[in-house]
Amino acid sequence: MKPLVLALCSGLAGGLIAAAGVVAAQRLIAPAPVFVSVRVEELITAQVMTLSSQLDDPGQRAVAAERFARALDVELDTVAKDYGAVVFASGAVVRGATDLTVTVRSRLEARLAVSEGSKP
């Protein structure tokens, strides 16, 4: 009976060591994700105020809002790829994540300016 227990313990120890090796290798190959935040509500609120003050026609506001929404989605994806990060809306963030709202705002402004310039 003792040889069987010894063999089981030996097998279990070997399995644990192998599992620890796999976990360590995964951490070296794929480091923990980086988390960043963007104050999306702030960006949207600012855009709504801008559109309300600049455009009287509800149809034009709707078109501009749709263009902004698409640009925001693209920029959030781009920031995630550029920074190799998971992007959270700031209300959902664990404290300590880097805030990239200013970066996203600048990129949005540039993207929207380019698309405005390409209109006929």
PDB file of N, CA and C in Angstrom:
ATOM      1  N   MET A   1       0.818  -1.188   0.000  1.00  0.00           N
ATOM      2  CA  MET A   1       0.000   0.000   0.000  1.00  0.00           C
ATOM      3  C   MET A   1       0.865   1.257   0.000  1.00  0.00           C
ATOM      4  N   LYS A   2       1.955   1.236   0.771  1.00  0.00           N
ATOM      5  CA  LYS A   2       2.813   2.423   0.833  1.00  0.00           C
ATOM      6  C   LYS A   2       3.417   2.765  -0.523  1.00  0.00           C
ATOM      7  N   PRO A   3       3.832   1.813  -1.341  1.00  0.00           N
ATOM      8  CA  PRO A   3       4.359   2.168  -2.647  1.00  0.00           C
ATOM      9  C   PRO A   3       3.302   2.864  -3.518  1.00  0.00           C
ATOM     10  N   LEU A   4       2.026   2.468  -3.372  1.00  0.00           N
ATOM     11  CA  LEU A   4       0.960   3.089  -4.140  1.00  0.00           C
ATOM     12  C   LEU A   4       0.766   4.542  -3.715  1.00  0.00           C
ATOM     13  N   VAL A   5       0.778   4.799  -2.400  1.00  0.00           N
ATOM     14  CA  VAL A   5       0.631   6.160  -1.887  1.00  0.00           C
ATOM     15  C   VAL A   5       1.812   7.011  -2.342  1.00  0.00           C
ATOM     16  N   LEU A   6       2.997   6.444  -2.266  1.00  0.00           N
ATOM     17  CA  LEU A   6       4.197   7.160  -2.703  1.00  0.00           C
ATOM     18  C   LEU A   6       4.115   7.498  -4.197  1.00  0.00           C
ATOM     19  N   ALA A   7       3.632   6.540  -4.991  1.00  0.00           N
ATOM     20  CA  ALA A   7       3.501   6.776  -6.437  1.00  0.00           C
ATOM     21  C   ALA A   7       2.462   7.861  -6.708  1.00  0.00           C
ATOM     22  N   LEU A   8       1.339   7.836  -5.981  1.00  0.00           N
ATOM     23  CA  LEU A   8       0.309   8.864  -6.154  1.00  0.00           C
ATOM     24  C   LEU A   8       0.826  10.235  -5.758  1.00  0.00           C
ATOM     25  N   CYS A   9       1.516  10.303  -4.638  1.00  0.00           N
ATOM     26  CA  CYS A   9       2.068  11.589  -4.190  1.00  0.00           C
ATOM     27  C   CYS A   9       3.099  12.112  -5.178  1.00  0.00           C
ATOM     28  N   SER A  10       3.911  11.207  -5.670  1.00  0.00           N
ATOM     29  CA  SER A  10       4.927  11.585  -6.636  1.00  0.00           C
ATOM     30  C   SER A  10       4.277  12.106  -7.922  1.00  0.00           C
ATOM     31  N   GLY A  11       3.231  11.418  -8.385  1.00  0.00           N
ATOM     32  CA  GLY A  11       2.516  11.848  -9.583  1.00  0.00           C
ATOM     33  C   GLY A  11       1.828  13.187  -9.380  1.00  0.00           C
ATOM     34  N   LEU A  12       1.223  13.370  -8.194  1.00  0.00           N
ATOM     35  CA  LEU A  12       0.555  14.627  -7.882  1.00  0.00           C
ATOM     36  C   LEU A  12       1.559  15.772  -7.837  1.00  0.00           C
ATOM     37  N   ALA A  13       2.702  15.544  -7.198  1.00  0.00           N
ATOM     38  CA  ALA A  13       3.735  16.573  -7.115  1.00  0.00           C
ATOM     39  C   ALA A  13       4.249  16.930  -8.512  1.00  0.00           C
ATOM     40  N   GLY A  14       4.440  15.928  -9.331  1.00  0.00           N
ATOM     41  CA  GLY A  14       4.889  16.181 -10.699  1.00  0.00           C
ATOM     42  C   GLY A  14       3.869  16.992 -11.486  1.00  0.00           C
ATOM     43  N   GLY A  15       2.595  16.675 -11.306  1.00  0.00           N
ATOM     44  CA  GLY A  15       1.534  17.411 -11.983  1.00  0.00           C
ATOM     45  C   GLY A  15       1.474  18.862 -11.529  1.00  0.00           C
ATOM     46  N   LEU A  16       1.620  19.099 -10.225  1.00  0.00           N
ATOM     47  CA  LEU A  16       1.612  20.463  -9.701  1.00  0.00           C
ATOM     48  C   LEU A  16       2.791  21.273 -10.222  1.00  0.00           C
ATOM     49  N   ILE A  17       3.945  20.647 -10.283  1.00  0.00           N
ATOM     50  CA  ILE A  17       5.129  21.339 -10.802  1.00  0.00           C
ATOM     51  C   ILE A  17       4.934  21.684 -12.284  1.00  0.00           C
ATOM     52  N   ALA A  18       4.368  20.761 -13.040  1.00  0.00           N
ATOM     53  CA  ALA A  18       4.119  21.024 -14.462  1.00  0.00           C
ATOM     54  C   ALA A  18       3.098  22.155 -14.627  1.00  0.00           C
ATOM     55  N   ALA A  19       2.033  22.134 -13.815  1.00  0.00           N
ATOM     56  CA  ALA A  19       1.023  23.185 -13.892  1.00  0.00           C
ATOM     57  C   ALA A  19       1.626  24.545 -13.543  1.00  0.00           C
ATOM     58  N   ALA A  20       2.470  24.592 -12.521  1.00  0.00           N
ATOM     59  CA  ALA A  20       3.122  25.847 -12.143  1.00  0.00           C
ATOM     60  C   ALA A  20       4.015  26.343 -13.284  1.00  0.00           C
ATOM     61  N   GLY A  21       4.678  25.432 -13.959  1.00  0.00           N
ATOM     62  CA  GLY A  21       5.518  25.806 -15.092  1.00  0.00           C
ATOM     63  C   GLY A  21       4.699  26.396 -16.232  1.00  0.00           C
ATOM     64  N   VAL A  22       3.534  25.816 -16.496  1.00  0.00           N
ATOM     65  CA  VAL A  22       2.658  26.325 -17.559  1.00  0.00           C
ATOM     66  C   VAL A  22       2.168  27.727 -17.209  1.00  0.00           C
ATOM     67  N   VAL A  23       1.740  27.935 -15.970  1.00  0.00           N
ATOM     68  CA  VAL A  23       1.266  29.247 -15.537  1.00  0.00           C
ATOM     69  C   VAL A  23       2.387  30.270 -15.646  1.00  0.00           C
ATOM     70  N   ALA A  24       3.576  29.928 -15.210  1.00  0.00           N
ATOM     71  CA  ALA A  24       4.709  30.857 -15.288  1.00  0.00           C
ATOM     72  C   ALA A  24       5.017  31.200 -16.748  1.00  0.00           C
ATOM     73  N   ALA A  25       4.990  30.204 -17.624  1.00  0.00           N
ATOM     74  CA  ALA A  25       5.267  30.450 -19.043  1.00  0.00           C
ATOM     75  C   ALA A  25       4.206  31.363 -19.654  1.00  0.00           C
ATOM     76  N   GLN A  26       2.936  31.158 -19.287  1.00  0.00           N
ATOM     77  CA  GLN A  26       1.879  32.025 -19.813  1.00  0.00           C
ATOM     78  C   GLN A  26       2.087  33.464 -19.370  1.00  0.00           C
ATOM     79  N   ARG A  27       2.494  33.675 -18.144  1.00  0.00           N
ATOM     80  CA  ARG A  27       2.726  35.037 -17.648  1.00  0.00           C
ATOM     81  C   ARG A  27       3.893  35.702 -18.379  1.00  0.00           C
ATOM     82  N   LEU A  28       4.899  34.934 -18.732  1.00  0.00           N
ATOM     83  CA  LEU A  28       6.041  35.493 -19.448  1.00  0.00           C
ATOM     84  C   LEU A  28       5.671  35.815 -20.899  1.00  0.00           C
ATOM     85  N   ILE A  29       4.865  34.956 -21.500  1.00  0.00           N
ATOM     86  CA  ILE A  29       4.484  35.130 -22.897  1.00  0.00           C
ATOM     87  C   ILE A  29       3.404  36.195 -23.027  1.00  0.00           C
ATOM     88  N   ALA A  30       2.395  36.148 -22.197  1.00  0.00           N
ATOM     89  CA  ALA A  30       1.259  37.076 -22.260  1.00  0.00           C
ATOM     90  C   ALA A  30       1.133  37.791 -20.922  1.00  0.00           C
ATOM     91  N   PRO A  31       1.771  38.941 -20.784  1.00  0.00           N
ATOM     92  CA  PRO A  31       1.710  39.654 -19.510  1.00  0.00           C
ATOM     93  C   PRO A  31       0.282  40.106 -19.185  1.00  0.00           C
ATOM     94  N   ALA A  32       0.088  40.467 -17.956  1.00  0.00           N
ATOM     95  CA  ALA A  32      -1.226  40.924 -17.510  1.00  0.00           C
ATOM     96  C   ALA A  32      -1.682  42.115 -18.349  1.00  0.00           C
ATOM     97  N   PRO A  33      -2.974  42.232 -18.592  1.00  0.00           N
ATOM     98  CA  PRO A  33      -3.464  43.341 -19.414  1.00  0.00           C
ATOM     99  C   PRO A  33      -3.284  44.690 -18.728  1.00  0.00           C
ATOM    100  N   VAL A  34      -3.195  45.720 -19.547  1.00  0.00           N
ATOM    101  CA  VAL A  34      -3.108  47.097 -19.069  1.00  0.00           C
ATOM    102  C   VAL A  34      -4.522  47.668 -19.137  1.00  0.00           C
ATOM    103  N   PHE A  35      -4.909  48.398 -18.109  1.00  0.00           N
ATOM    104  CA  PHE A  35      -6.235  49.005 -18.074  1.00  0.00           C
ATOM    105  C   PHE A  35      -6.104  50.518 -18.171  1.00  0.00           C
ATOM    106  N   VAL A  36      -6.904  51.120 -19.047  1.00  0.00           N
ATOM    107  CA  VAL A  36      -6.952  52.576 -19.173  1.00  0.00           C
ATOM    108  C   VAL A  36      -8.412  53.001 -19.095  1.00  0.00           C
ATOM    109  N   SER A  37      -8.611  54.278 -18.799  1.00  0.00           N
ATOM    110  CA  SER A  37      -9.978  54.785 -18.731  1.00  0.00           C
ATOM    111  C   SER A  37     -10.159  55.961 -19.678  1.00  0.00           C
ATOM    112  N   VAL A  38     -11.384  56.160 -20.095  1.00  0.00           N
ATOM    113  CA  VAL A  38     -11.759  57.312 -20.912  1.00  0.00           C
ATOM    114  C   VAL A  38     -13.087  57.810 -20.343  1.00  0.00           C
ATOM    115  N   ARG A  39     -13.154  59.112 -20.125  1.00  0.00           N
ATOM    116  CA  ARG A  39     -14.393  59.704 -19.605  1.00  0.00           C
ATOM    117  C   ARG A  39     -15.356  59.904 -20.777  1.00  0.00           C
ATOM    118  N   VAL A  40     -15.956  58.808 -21.216  1.00  0.00           N
ATOM    119  CA  VAL A  40     -16.821  58.795 -22.390  1.00  0.00           C
ATOM    120  C   VAL A  40     -18.018  59.725 -22.193  1.00  0.00           C
ATOM    121  N   GLU A  41     -18.605  59.700 -21.023  1.00  0.00           N
ATOM    122  CA  GLU A  41     -19.758  60.569 -20.763  1.00  0.00           C
ATOM    123  C   GLU A  41     -19.392  62.041 -20.962  1.00  0.00           C
ATOM    124  N   GLU A  42     -18.201  62.412 -20.529  1.00  0.00           N
ATOM    125  CA  GLU A  42     -17.737  63.796 -20.707  1.00  0.00           C
ATOM    126  C   GLU A  42     -17.600  64.143 -22.187  1.00  0.00           C
ATOM    127  N   LEU A  43     -17.050  63.227 -22.972  1.00  0.00           N
ATOM    128  CA  LEU A  43     -16.890  63.457 -24.412  1.00  0.00           C
ATOM    129  C   LEU A  43     -18.248  63.601 -25.100  1.00  0.00           C
ATOM    130  N   ILE A  44     -19.178  62.732 -24.740  1.00  0.00           N
ATOM    131  CA  ILE A  44     -20.503  62.781 -25.364  1.00  0.00           C
ATOM    132  C   ILE A  44     -21.243  64.053 -24.959  1.00  0.00           C
ATOM    133  N   THR A  45     -21.181  64.409 -23.678  1.00  0.00           N
ATOM    134  CA  THR A  45     -21.851  65.626 -23.204  1.00  0.00           C
ATOM    135  C   THR A  45     -21.317  66.856 -23.925  1.00  0.00           C
ATOM    136  N   ALA A  46     -20.010  66.933 -24.068  1.00  0.00           N
ATOM    137  CA  ALA A  46     -19.406  68.073 -24.775  1.00  0.00           C
ATOM    138  C   ALA A  46     -19.872  68.113 -26.224  1.00  0.00           C
ATOM    139  N   GLN A  47     -19.963  66.954 -26.865  1.00  0.00           N
ATOM    140  CA  GLN A  47     -20.401  66.909 -28.266  1.00  0.00           C
ATOM    141  C   GLN A  47     -21.861  67.326 -28.397  1.00  0.00           C
ATOM    142  N   VAL A  48     -22.710  66.886 -27.478  1.00  0.00           N
ATOM    143  CA  VAL A  48     -24.126  67.267 -27.510  1.00  0.00           C
ATOM    144  C   VAL A  48     -24.260  68.776 -27.371  1.00  0.00           C
ATOM    145  N   MET A  49     -23.507  69.371 -26.461  1.00  0.00           N
ATOM    146  CA  MET A  49     -23.557  70.824 -26.275  1.00  0.00           C
ATOM    147  C   MET A  49     -23.080  71.548 -27.534  1.00  0.00           C
ATOM    148  N   THR A  50     -22.017  71.038 -28.132  1.00  0.00           N
ATOM    149  CA  THR A  50     -21.491  71.650 -29.354  1.00  0.00           C
ATOM    150  C   THR A  50     -22.519  71.583 -30.484  1.00  0.00           C
ATOM    151  N   LEU A  51     -23.095  70.395 -30.677  1.00  0.00           N
ATOM    152  CA  LEU A  51     -24.075  70.233 -31.755  1.00  0.00           C
ATOM    153  C   LEU A  51     -25.309  71.100 -31.518  1.00  0.00           C
ATOM    154  N   SER A  52     -25.741  71.202 -30.276  1.00  0.00           N
ATOM    155  CA  SER A  52     -26.920  72.021 -29.954  1.00  0.00           C
ATOM    156  C   SER A  52     -26.676  73.492 -30.240  1.00  0.00           C
ATOM    157  N   SER A  53     -25.464  73.941 -29.990  1.00  0.00           N
ATOM    158  CA  SER A  53     -25.169  75.359 -30.209  1.00  0.00           C
ATOM    159  C   SER A  53     -24.859  75.683 -31.674  1.00  0.00           C
ATOM    160  N   GLN A  54     -24.397  74.700 -32.438  1.00  0.00           N
ATOM    161  CA  GLN A  54     -23.982  74.968 -33.816  1.00  0.00           C
ATOM    162  C   GLN A  54     -25.019  74.619 -34.868  1.00  0.00           C
ATOM    163  N   LEU A  55     -25.901  73.674 -34.562  1.00  0.00           N
ATOM    164  CA  LEU A  55     -26.849  73.207 -35.580  1.00  0.00           C
ATOM    165  C   LEU A  55     -28.288  73.361 -35.085  1.00  0.00           C
ATOM    166  N   ASP A  56     -29.085  74.052 -35.878  1.00  0.00           N
ATOM    167  CA  ASP A  56     -30.494  74.249 -35.520  1.00  0.00           C
ATOM    168  C   ASP A  56     -31.374  73.103 -36.014  1.00  0.00           C
ATOM    169  N   ASP A  57     -31.006  72.545 -37.135  1.00  0.00           N
ATOM    170  CA  ASP A  57     -31.813  71.489 -37.759  1.00  0.00           C
ATOM    171  C   ASP A  57     -31.607  70.151 -37.034  1.00  0.00           C
ATOM    172  N   PRO A  58     -32.684  69.545 -36.504  1.00  0.00           N
ATOM    173  CA  PRO A  58     -32.557  68.255 -35.826  1.00  0.00           C
ATOM    174  C   PRO A  58     -31.988  67.156 -36.728  1.00  0.00           C
ATOM    175  N   GLY A  59     -32.299  67.209 -37.997  1.00  0.00           N
ATOM    176  CA  GLY A  59     -31.760  66.220 -38.938  1.00  0.00           C
ATOM    177  C   GLY A  59     -30.248  66.320 -39.057  1.00  0.00           C
ATOM    178  N   GLN A  60     -29.742  67.547 -39.137  1.00  0.00           N
ATOM    179  CA  GLN A  60     -28.294  67.766 -39.205  1.00  0.00           C
ATOM    180  C   GLN A  60     -27.628  67.315 -37.896  1.00  0.00           C
ATOM    181  N   ARG A  61     -28.281  67.614 -36.773  1.00  0.00           N
ATOM    182  CA  ARG A  61     -27.732  67.182 -35.480  1.00  0.00           C
ATOM    183  C   ARG A  61     -27.660  65.659 -35.404  1.00  0.00           C
ATOM    184  N   ALA A  62     -28.690  64.987 -35.908  1.00  0.00           N
ATOM    185  CA  ALA A  62     -28.712  63.525 -35.887  1.00  0.00           C
ATOM    186  C   ALA A  62     -27.588  62.943 -36.741  1.00  0.00           C
ATOM    187  N   VAL A  63     -27.374  63.531 -37.915  1.00  0.00           N
ATOM    188  CA  VAL A  63     -26.291  63.065 -38.801  1.00  0.00           C
ATOM    189  C   VAL A  63     -24.939  63.289 -38.130  1.00  0.00           C
ATOM    190  N   ALA A  64     -24.750  64.476 -37.554  1.00  0.00           N
ATOM    191  CA  ALA A  64     -23.484  64.791 -36.885  1.00  0.00           C
ATOM    192  C   ALA A  64     -23.275  63.897 -35.664  1.00  0.00           C
ATOM    193  N   ALA A  65     -24.353  63.599 -34.936  1.00  0.00           N
ATOM    194  CA  ALA A  65     -24.238  62.731 -33.764  1.00  0.00           C
ATOM    195  C   ALA A  65     -23.847  61.317 -34.174  1.00  0.00           C
ATOM    196  N   GLU A  66     -24.416  60.827 -35.267  1.00  0.00           N
ATOM    197  CA  GLU A  66     -24.074  59.495 -35.771  1.00  0.00           C
ATOM    198  C   GLU A  66     -22.605  59.438 -36.199  1.00  0.00           C
ATOM    199  N   ARG A  67     -22.154  60.494 -36.872  1.00  0.00           N
ATOM    200  CA  ARG A  67     -20.746  60.566 -37.304  1.00  0.00           C
ATOM    201  C   ARG A  67     -19.822  60.566 -36.088  1.00  0.00           C
ATOM    202  N   PHE A  68     -20.216  61.324 -35.045  1.00  0.00           N
ATOM    203  CA  PHE A  68     -19.425  61.369 -33.814  1.00  0.00           C
ATOM    204  C   PHE A  68     -19.384  59.993 -33.152  1.00  0.00           C
ATOM    205  N   ALA A  69     -20.518  59.316 -33.079  1.00  0.00           N
ATOM    206  CA  ALA A  69     -20.578  57.995 -32.445  1.00  0.00           C
ATOM    207  C   ALA A  69     -19.667  57.000 -33.155  1.00  0.00           C
ATOM    208  N   ARG A  70     -19.684  57.033 -34.491  1.00  0.00           N
ATOM    209  CA  ARG A  70     -18.794  56.131 -35.252  1.00  0.00           C
ATOM    210  C   ARG A  70     -17.327  56.477 -34.996  1.00  0.00           C
ATOM    211  N   ALA A  71     -17.020  57.771 -34.999  1.00  0.00           N
ATOM    212  CA  ALA A  71     -15.633  58.202 -34.770  1.00  0.00           C
ATOM    213  C   ALA A  71     -15.173  57.827 -33.359  1.00  0.00           C
ATOM    214  N   LEU A  72     -16.046  57.977 -32.379  1.00  0.00           N
ATOM    215  CA  LEU A  72     -15.697  57.616 -31.002  1.00  0.00           C
ATOM    216  C   LEU A  72     -15.401  56.126 -30.896  1.00  0.00           C
ATOM    217  N   ASP A  73     -16.228  55.316 -31.528  1.00  0.00           N
ATOM    218  CA  ASP A  73     -16.024  53.866 -31.510  1.00  0.00           C
ATOM    219  C   ASP A  73     -14.680  53.498 -32.140  1.00  0.00           C
ATOM    220  N   VAL A  74     -14.375  54.110 -33.274  1.00  0.00           N
ATOM    221  CA  VAL A  74     -13.100  53.847 -33.956  1.00  0.00           C
ATOM    222  C   VAL A  74     -11.927  54.276 -33.076  1.00  0.00           C
ATOM    223  N   GLU A  75     -12.018  55.444 -32.475  1.00  0.00           N
ATOM    224  CA  GLU A  75     -10.907  55.939 -31.658  1.00  0.00           C
ATOM    225  C   GLU A  75     -10.700  55.101 -30.400  1.00  0.00           C
ATOM    226  N   LEU A  76     -11.765  54.630 -29.787  1.00  0.00           N
ATOM    227  CA  LEU A  76     -11.605  53.768 -28.613  1.00  0.00           C
ATOM    228  C   LEU A  76     -10.914  52.462 -29.001  1.00  0.00           C
ATOM    229  N   ASP A  77     -11.288  51.894 -30.158  1.00  0.00           N
ATOM    230  CA  ASP A  77     -10.611  50.686 -30.652  1.00  0.00           C
ATOM    231  C   ASP A  77      -9.142  50.974 -30.954  1.00  0.00           C
ATOM    232  N   THR A  78      -8.881  52.109 -31.581  1.00  0.00           N
ATOM    233  CA  THR A  78      -7.509  52.478 -31.940  1.00  0.00           C
ATOM    234  C   THR A  78      -6.649  52.673 -30.692  1.00  0.00           C
ATOM    235  N   VAL A  79      -7.185  53.356 -29.702  1.00  0.00           N
ATOM    236  CA  VAL A  79      -6.445  53.568 -28.452  1.00  0.00           C
ATOM    237  C   VAL A  79      -6.155  52.219 -27.790  1.00  0.00           C
ATOM    238  N   ALA A  80      -7.128  51.334 -27.778  1.00  0.00           N
ATOM    239  CA  ALA A  80      -6.919  50.009 -27.183  1.00  0.00           C
ATOM    240  C   ALA A  80      -5.774  49.280 -27.880  1.00  0.00           C
ATOM    241  N   LYS A  81      -5.746  49.349 -29.207  1.00  0.00           N
ATOM    242  CA  LYS A  81      -4.675  48.680 -29.965  1.00  0.00           C
ATOM    243  C   LYS A  81      -3.336  49.387 -29.782  1.00  0.00           C
ATOM    244  N   ASP A  82      -3.331  50.717 -29.875  1.00  0.00           N
ATOM    245  CA  ASP A  82      -2.080  51.474 -29.755  1.00  0.00           C
ATOM    246  C   ASP A  82      -1.415  51.298 -28.392  1.00  0.00           C
ATOM    247  N   TYR A  83      -2.222  51.224 -27.352  1.00  0.00           N
ATOM    248  CA  TYR A  83      -1.686  51.113 -25.992  1.00  0.00           C
ATOM    249  C   TYR A  83      -1.661  49.675 -25.493  1.00  0.00           C
ATOM    250  N   GLY A  84      -2.162  48.747 -26.301  1.00  0.00           N
ATOM    251  CA  GLY A  84      -2.228  47.355 -25.872  1.00  0.00           C
ATOM    252  C   GLY A  84      -3.014  47.237 -24.575  1.00  0.00           C
ATOM    253  N   ALA A  85      -4.152  47.921 -24.527  1.00  0.00           N
ATOM    254  CA  ALA A  85      -4.873  48.056 -23.271  1.00  0.00           C
ATOM    255  C   ALA A  85      -6.353  47.718 -23.411  1.00  0.00           C
ATOM    256  N   VAL A  86      -6.951  47.465 -22.269  1.00  0.00           N
ATOM    257  CA  VAL A  86      -8.397  47.320 -22.168  1.00  0.00           C
ATOM    258  C   VAL A  86      -8.920  48.695 -21.764  1.00  0.00           C
ATOM    259  N   VAL A  87      -9.866  49.243 -22.543  1.00  0.00           N
ATOM    260  CA  VAL A  87     -10.387  50.581 -22.290  1.00  0.00           C
ATOM    261  C   VAL A  87     -11.715  50.463 -21.535  1.00  0.00           C
ATOM    262  N   PHE A  88     -11.804  51.174 -20.416  1.00  0.00           N
ATOM    263  CA  PHE A  88     -13.028  51.232 -19.630  1.00  0.00           C
ATOM    264  C   PHE A  88     -13.572  52.645 -19.626  1.00  0.00           C
ATOM    265  N   ALA A  89     -14.905  52.752 -19.624  1.00  0.00           N
ATOM    266  CA  ALA A  89     -15.516  54.055 -19.350  1.00  0.00           C
ATOM    267  C   ALA A  89     -15.165  54.369 -17.905  1.00  0.00           C
ATOM    268  N   SER A  90     -14.800  55.611 -17.625  1.00  0.00           N
ATOM    269  CA  SER A  90     -14.237  55.931 -16.312  1.00  0.00           C
ATOM    270  C   SER A  90     -15.142  55.569 -15.145  1.00  0.00           C
ATOM    271  N   GLY A  91     -16.448  55.566 -15.321  1.00  0.00           N
ATOM    272  CA  GLY A  91     -17.333  55.182 -14.234  1.00  0.00           C
ATOM    273  C   GLY A  91     -17.193  53.727 -13.828  1.00  0.00           C
ATOM    274  N   ALA A  92     -16.651  52.900 -14.726  1.00  0.00           N
ATOM    275  CA  ALA A  92     -16.518  51.474 -14.467  1.00  0.00           C
ATOM    276  C   ALA A  92     -15.101  51.080 -14.070  1.00  0.00           C
ATOM    277  N   VAL A  93     -14.252  52.050 -13.831  1.00  0.00           N
ATOM    278  CA  VAL A  93     -12.835  51.766 -13.669  1.00  0.00           C
ATOM    279  C   VAL A  93     -12.442  51.506 -12.221  1.00  0.00           C
ATOM    280  N   VAL A  94     -11.558  50.550 -12.093  1.00  0.00           N
ATOM    281  CA  VAL A  94     -10.894  50.356 -10.818  1.00  0.00           C
ATOM    282  C   VAL A  94      -9.905  51.507 -10.696  1.00  0.00           C
ATOM    283  N   ARG A  95      -9.792  52.077  -9.552  1.00  0.00           N
ATOM    284  CA  ARG A  95      -8.899  53.233  -9.354  1.00  0.00           C
ATOM    285  C   ARG A  95      -7.473  52.909  -9.776  1.00  0.00           C
ATOM    286  N   GLY A  96      -6.825  53.922 -10.344  1.00  0.00           N
ATOM    287  CA  GLY A  96      -5.424  53.784 -10.716  1.00  0.00           C
ATOM    288  C   GLY A  96      -5.177  53.575 -12.196  1.00  0.00           C
ATOM    289  N   ALA A  97      -6.229  53.376 -12.994  1.00  0.00           N
ATOM    290  CA  ALA A  97      -6.041  53.204 -14.438  1.00  0.00           C
ATOM    291  C   ALA A  97      -5.668  54.550 -15.056  1.00  0.00           C
ATOM    292  N   THR A  98      -4.805  54.516 -16.049  1.00  0.00           N
ATOM    293  CA  THR A  98      -4.396  55.724 -16.749  1.00  0.00           C
ATOM    294  C   THR A  98      -5.588  56.304 -17.508  1.00  0.00           C
ATOM    295  N   ASP A  99      -5.817  57.603 -17.360  1.00  0.00           N
ATOM    296  CA  ASP A  99      -6.925  58.274 -18.034  1.00  0.00           C
ATOM    297  C   ASP A  99      -6.444  58.804 -19.385  1.00  0.00           C
ATOM    298  N   LEU A 100      -7.040  58.305 -20.459  1.00  0.00           N
ATOM    299  CA  LEU A 100      -6.653  58.712 -21.817  1.00  0.00           C
ATOM    300  C   LEU A 100      -7.730  59.557 -22.490  1.00  0.00           C
ATOM    301  N   THR A 101      -8.571  60.222 -21.695  1.00  0.00           N
ATOM    302  CA  THR A 101      -9.642  61.045 -22.260  1.00  0.00           C
ATOM    303  C   THR A 101      -9.091  62.139 -23.166  1.00  0.00           C
ATOM    304  N   VAL A 102      -8.050  62.818 -22.743  1.00  0.00           N
ATOM    305  CA  VAL A 102      -7.474  63.906 -23.544  1.00  0.00           C
ATOM    306  C   VAL A 102      -6.946  63.365 -24.870  1.00  0.00           C
ATOM    307  N   THR A 103      -6.320  62.214 -24.837  1.00  0.00           N
ATOM    308  CA  THR A 103      -5.814  61.592 -26.065  1.00  0.00           C
ATOM    309  C   THR A 103      -6.956  61.274 -27.017  1.00  0.00           C
ATOM    310  N   VAL A 104      -8.007  60.661 -26.491  1.00  0.00           N
ATOM    311  CA  VAL A 104      -9.154  60.312 -27.328  1.00  0.00           C
ATOM    312  C   VAL A 104      -9.822  61.574 -27.867  1.00  0.00           C
ATOM    313  N   ARG A 105      -9.965  62.610 -27.030  1.00  0.00           N
ATOM    314  CA  ARG A 105     -10.582  63.863 -27.478  1.00  0.00           C
ATOM    315  C   ARG A 105      -9.790  64.464 -28.643  1.00  0.00           C
ATOM    316  N   SER A 106      -8.470  64.502 -28.517  1.00  0.00           N
ATOM    317  CA  SER A 106      -7.624  65.061 -29.588  1.00  0.00           C
ATOM    318  C   SER A 106      -7.763  64.263 -30.879  1.00  0.00           C
ATOM    319  N   ARG A 107      -7.765  62.948 -30.754  1.00  0.00           N
ATOM    320  CA  ARG A 107      -7.901  62.099 -31.938  1.00  0.00           C
ATOM    321  C   ARG A 107      -9.272  62.259 -32.581  1.00  0.00           C
ATOM    322  N   LEU A 108     -10.300  62.373 -31.749  1.00  0.00           N
ATOM    323  CA  LEU A 108     -11.652  62.588 -32.273  1.00  0.00           C
ATOM    324  C   LEU A 108     -11.735  63.905 -33.036  1.00  0.00           C
ATOM    325  N   GLU A 109     -11.197  64.952 -32.442  1.00  0.00           N
ATOM    326  CA  GLU A 109     -11.223  66.258 -33.099  1.00  0.00           C
ATOM    327  C   GLU A 109     -10.525  66.195 -34.451  1.00  0.00           C
ATOM    328  N   ALA A 110      -9.386  65.533 -34.495  1.00  0.00           N
ATOM    329  CA  ALA A 110      -8.659  65.407 -35.767  1.00  0.00           C
ATOM    330  C   ALA A 110      -9.451  64.588 -36.774  1.00  0.00           C
ATOM    331  N   ARG A 111     -10.025  63.466 -36.328  1.00  0.00           N
ATOM    332  CA  ARG A 111     -10.802  62.604 -37.229  1.00  0.00           C
ATOM    333  C   ARG A 111     -12.028  63.342 -37.758  1.00  0.00           C
ATOM    334  N   LEU A 112     -12.732  64.033 -36.886  1.00  0.00           N
ATOM    335  CA  LEU A 112     -13.935  64.766 -37.308  1.00  0.00           C
ATOM    336  C   LEU A 112     -13.585  65.934 -38.227  1.00  0.00           C
ATOM    337  N   ALA A 113     -12.453  66.589 -37.986  1.00  0.00           N
ATOM    338  CA  ALA A 113     -12.027  67.693 -38.843  1.00  0.00           C
ATOM    339  C   ALA A 113     -11.704  67.175 -40.249  1.00  0.00           C
ATOM    340  N   VAL A 114     -11.057  66.020 -40.321  1.00  0.00           N
ATOM    341  CA  VAL A 114     -10.722  65.434 -41.624  1.00  0.00           C
ATOM    342  C   VAL A 114     -11.991  65.048 -42.359  1.00  0.00           C
ATOM    343  N   SER A 115     -12.946  64.433 -41.659  1.00  0.00           N
ATOM    344  CA  SER A 115     -14.178  64.014 -42.347  1.00  0.00           C
ATOM    345  C   SER A 115     -15.025  65.229 -42.724  1.00  0.00           C
ATOM    346  N   GLU A 116     -14.959  66.299 -41.959  1.00  0.00           N
ATOM    347  CA  GLU A 116     -15.647  67.544 -42.331  1.00  0.00           C
ATOM    348  C   GLU A 116     -15.039  68.123 -43.597  1.00  0.00           C
ATOM    349  N   GLY A 117     -13.712  68.077 -43.686  1.00  0.00           N
ATOM    350  CA  GLY A 117     -13.011  68.617 -44.855  1.00  0.00           C
ATOM    351  C   GLY A 117     -13.253  67.810 -46.096  1.00  0.00           C
ATOM    352  N   SER A 118     -13.606  66.546 -45.963  1.00  0.00           N
ATOM    353  CA  SER A 118     -13.819  65.697 -47.143  1.00  0.00           C
ATOM    354  C   SER A 118     -15.252  65.755 -47.648  1.00  0.00           C
ATOM    355  N   LYS A 119     -16.122  66.501 -46.955  1.00  0.00           N
ATOM    356  CA  LYS A 119     -17.496  66.651 -47.436  1.00  0.00           C
ATOM    357  C   LYS A 119     -17.518  67.521 -48.676  1.00  0.00           C
ATOM    358  N   PRO A 120     -18.427  67.210 -49.623  1.00  0.00           N
ATOM    359  CA  PRO A 120     -18.508  68.041 -50.838  1.00  0.00           C
ATOM    360  C   PRO A 120     -19.095  69.399 -50.540  1.00  0.00           C
TER     361      PRO A 120
END
